[in-house]
C-alpha atoms as a PDB file:
ATOM      1  CA  MET A   1       0.868  -4.867  -6.407  1.00  0.00           C
ATOM      2  CA  ILE A   2       0.860  -1.121  -8.458  1.00  0.00           C
ATOM      3  CA  ILE A   3      -1.863   0.316  -9.727  1.00  0.00           C
ATOM      4  CA  PHE A   4      -2.242   3.661 -11.993  1.00  0.00           C
ATOM      5  CA  ALA A   5      -4.565   6.481 -12.524  1.00  0.00           C
ATOM      6  CA  SER A   6      -4.250   9.040 -14.237  1.00  0.00           C
ATOM      7  CA  SER A   7      -5.909  11.992 -15.684  1.00  0.00           C
ATOM      8  CA  TYR A   8      -3.105  14.113 -17.929  1.00  0.00           C
ATOM      9  CA  CYS A   9      -6.167  14.878 -19.610  1.00  0.00           C
ATOM     10  CA  LYS A  10      -8.662  17.900 -19.295  1.00  0.00           C
ATOM     11  CA  GLN A  11     -11.471  15.513 -20.350  1.00  0.00           C
ATOM     12  CA  LYS A  12     -10.494  13.531 -16.840  1.00  0.00           C
ATOM     13  CA  ILE A  13      -9.680  10.304 -18.680  1.00  0.00           C
ATOM     14  CA  MET A  14      -8.966   7.910 -15.734  1.00  0.00           C
ATOM     15  CA  ALA A  15      -7.409   4.758 -16.192  1.00  0.00           C
ATOM     16  CA  THR A  16      -6.413   2.186 -14.670  1.00  0.00           C
ATOM     17  CA  ILE A  17      -3.776   0.177 -14.926  1.00  0.00           C
ATOM     18  CA  THR A  18      -2.165  -3.024 -12.624  1.00  0.00           C
ATOM     19  CA  LEU A  19       0.847  -4.695 -13.676  1.00  0.00           C
ATOM     20  CA  LYS A  20       2.830  -6.941 -11.473  1.00  0.00           C
ATOM     21  CA  TYR A  21       6.675  -6.947 -11.971  1.00  0.00           C
ATOM     22  CA  ASP A  22       9.754  -8.220 -10.322  1.00  0.00           C
ATOM     23  CA  ALA A  23      10.293  -4.918  -7.490  1.00  0.00           C
ATOM     24  CA  ARG A  24      13.984  -5.979  -7.944  1.00  0.00           C
ATOM     25  CA  SER A  25      14.870  -5.258 -11.495  1.00  0.00           C
ATOM     26  CA  PRO A  26      16.569  -1.429 -11.875  1.00  0.00           C
ATOM     27  CA  LEU A  27      14.920  -1.688 -15.628  1.00  0.00           C
ATOM     28  CA  VAL A  28      11.450  -1.782 -14.094  1.00  0.00           C
ATOM     29  CA  LYS A  29      12.030   0.420 -11.570  1.00  0.00           C
ATOM     30  CA  LYS A  30      12.845   3.340 -14.268  1.00  0.00           C
ATOM     31  CA  THR A  31      10.814   2.552 -15.826  1.00  0.00           C
ATOM     32  CA  LEU A  32       8.248   3.022 -13.125  1.00  0.00           C
ATOM     33  CA  ASP A  33       9.516   5.975 -12.102  1.00  0.00           C
ATOM     34  CA  TYR A  34       9.391   7.353 -15.408  1.00  0.00           C
ATOM     35  CA  ILE A  35       5.682   6.629 -16.098  1.00  0.00           C
ATOM     36  CA  LEU A  36       5.097   8.210 -11.983  1.00  0.00           C
ATOM     37  CA  SER A  37       7.369  11.372 -13.960  1.00  0.00           C
ATOM     38  CA  VAL A  38       5.009  11.194 -16.734  1.00  0.00           C
ATOM     39  CA  GLY A  39       1.748  12.065 -15.071  1.00  0.00           C
ATOM     40  CA  PHE A  40       0.556   9.498 -13.342  1.00  0.00           C
ATOM     41  CA  SER A  41       0.040   9.016 -10.328  1.00  0.00           C
ATOM     42  CA  GLU A  42       0.266   5.644  -8.195  1.00  0.00           C
ATOM     43  CA  VAL A  43      -2.565   4.549  -6.130  1.00  0.00           C
ATOM     44  CA  LYS A  44      -2.349   1.864  -3.843  1.00  0.00           C
ATOM     45  CA  PRO A  45      -4.736  -0.470  -2.591  1.00  0.00           C
ATOM     46  CA  PRO A  46      -6.964   0.175   0.658  1.00  0.00           C
ATOM     47  CA  LYS A  47      -4.889  -2.114   3.799  1.00  0.00           C
ATOM     48  CA  THR A  48      -7.531  -3.697   6.049  1.00  0.00           C
ATOM     49  CA  GLY A  49      -7.338  -3.767   9.396  1.00  0.00           C
ATOM     50  CA  LEU A  50      -6.358  -7.378  10.100  1.00  0.00           C
ATOM     51  CA  GLN A  51      -2.601  -5.933   7.841  1.00  0.00           C
ATOM     52  CA  GLU A  52      -3.130  -3.181   9.943  1.00  0.00           C
ATOM     53  CA  ALA A  53      -2.752  -5.027  12.941  1.00  0.00           C
ATOM     54  CA  PHE A  54      -0.236  -6.713  11.556  1.00  0.00           C
ATOM     55  CA  ASP A  55       2.077  -2.962  10.662  1.00  0.00           C
ATOM     56  CA  ASP A  56       1.600  -1.684  13.978  1.00  0.00           C
ATOM     57  CA  ILE A  57       2.706  -4.816  15.083  1.00  0.00           C
ATOM     58  CA  GLU A  58       5.936  -4.585  12.784  1.00  0.00           C
ATOM     59  CA  ASN A  59       6.326  -1.322  13.303  1.00  0.00           C
ATOM     60  CA  GLY A  60       6.668  -1.668  17.504  1.00  0.00           C
ATOM     61  CA  ARG A  61       3.370   0.519  17.685  1.00  0.00           C
ATOM     62  CA  VAL A  62       2.052  -2.719  19.868  1.00  0.00           C
ATOM     63  CA  THR A  63       3.404  -4.076  22.436  1.00  0.00           C
ATOM     64  CA  ARG A  64       1.845  -6.350  24.027  1.00  0.00           C
ATOM     65  CA  ILE A  65      -1.303  -8.288  22.789  1.00  0.00           C
ATOM     66  CA  TYR A  66      -4.509  -9.625  24.785  1.00  0.00           C
ATOM     67  CA  THR A  67      -6.181 -13.134  23.828  1.00  0.00           C
ATOM     68  CA  PRO A  68      -9.462 -13.816  25.610  1.00  0.00           C
ATOM     69  CA  LYS A  69      -7.298 -16.104  27.654  1.00  0.00           C
ATOM     70  CA  ASN A  70      -5.190 -13.595  29.009  1.00  0.00           C
ATOM     71  CA  TRP A  71      -7.665 -10.629  29.007  1.00  0.00           C
ATOM     72  CA  LYS A  72      -8.342  -8.555  32.690  1.00  0.00           C
ATOM     73  CA  GLY A  73     -10.992  -6.560  32.029  1.00  0.00           C
ATOM     74  CA  GLY A  74      -9.320  -3.554  30.196  1.00  0.00           C
ATOM     75  CA  LYS A  75      -6.757  -3.677  32.914  1.00  0.00           C
ATOM     76  CA  SER A  76      -2.913  -3.288  32.295  1.00  0.00           C
END
């Protein structure tokens, strides 16, 4: 899901468009690239804390996960 916001006019008229599409389609990718090149900007919705935690795990920034059963008072 991508949300586009346009402030193309001097009057600061803003519109938000939410799209659902097949990201594997080359025609859709070219169309979105064209829309972004015309002056629209891509606004991504903010991530929740849980999404950020999963991203940290996937990117290797978290090496140990503590649960209440294996937590030793902050000792590594």
